[in-house]
Amino acid sequence: MLDLSEIKTNLFERFKYIKMPRMRNILIIQDEILSSLRDFLRGEGFVEILAPIIGPVTDPGIRGAKQVSIDFYGHHFKIMSSMILYKQMVVSSLGKIFSLSPNVRLEPQESLATMRHLSEFRQLDLEIAEASYMEAMDLGERMLAYVVRRVKKNCREELTSLKRSLKVPNLPFKKIPHKEAVDLLLSKGYNVKYGEEIPWDAEVALSSMFDDPFWIYDFPLTARGFYDREDPDRPGILRDFDLIYPEGYGEAISGGEREYLFGKVIGRMRSRGDDLRDYGWYLEMLKEGVSPSAGFGIGVERLTRYLCGLEKIWEAVPFPKLPGIASP
């Protein structure tokens, strides 16, 4: 049971906590994580771009969280919950891109209990032109193994102080179709459904069954957004994936192939009840034509939490913003 008063004290007296050796060690490891992510991707030919912070629309597929709206010179704008639509724009120009993207999502306060949700967070977003979701998964697992190897080598003292023993994961990672993951959870008594995202508690339970990171892939069409690509040979199946950390740490990466055909996106939007007027620039872009692509986002704070062996994600960021708490 979380002690809300203790959490608030930690947030409002962050100026004390941030000077403690434990927080110092976490931030040093996080610095190494950021450096190793950038070094790996530049070695793979990626170009770093600046992420948008506001825009007319943002990612609608944020699993129960609310978006933040602002008045921007008389126009109704959103603070980014994900830069996914913008990634599709720029990847046609540069081919391989990434960005350290700030995101804001008003998660319900009950998500505090998961100890892995923030209302303000950063994720490394990347996109690859002309790539398949299998190629994106291959990149993701090589990237994670590289980061673990770097942190294990360069942050030995900090990891020892945190009592964290890191194992470099074996490649390739295990791949489990979404249907098989649901079957496994149903056999264990969890309340999960085939056409939906796996709930947080079930995802943690599934994560605890494995000693290495693993993929869940081939998500049902009804589980995700209009920008995810339906498999042309398997109606109702998205060429999507999630990477799940082991040890109960849950989701690491979420991504897939993007739907890039104007007509298909319009059909998906209409079936969901989306207001097409909100997505004017995006739809014009699709009419003009964009490259087929695949990509993903990986949360920096969740990666820090996993590598440092932290119980609570708000330990993995210097200035945390938590669901339901207006803190400094």
Foldseek 3Di string as FASTA:
>chain_A
DDDPVVVQVCQQVLVVVCPDLLLVLLVVLLVLLVVLLVVLVVVVVEDEDEADQKALDEFPWDPQWDWDWDQDVNHTMTGYQDRVLVQLVCCQPRFKYKYFDWHATQHAQVCVVLLADFRIFTKIWIKGFPDFLVVQLVSVLVSLLSSLVRSVVPSVVSLVVLVHDDDRADPDAAEAELVRLVVVLVVVPDPDDQQEDDDLVSQLVSQAVDDAKHKYFFHFPNHGDLFFDADPVDPRTTQWMFIAHHNSLGTFKTKGKTDLALVSSVVRCVVVVHDVVSCVVSSVSSVVGTGTMIIMIGTSLSSSCVSSVHPHSVSNDSNTHHNPDDGD
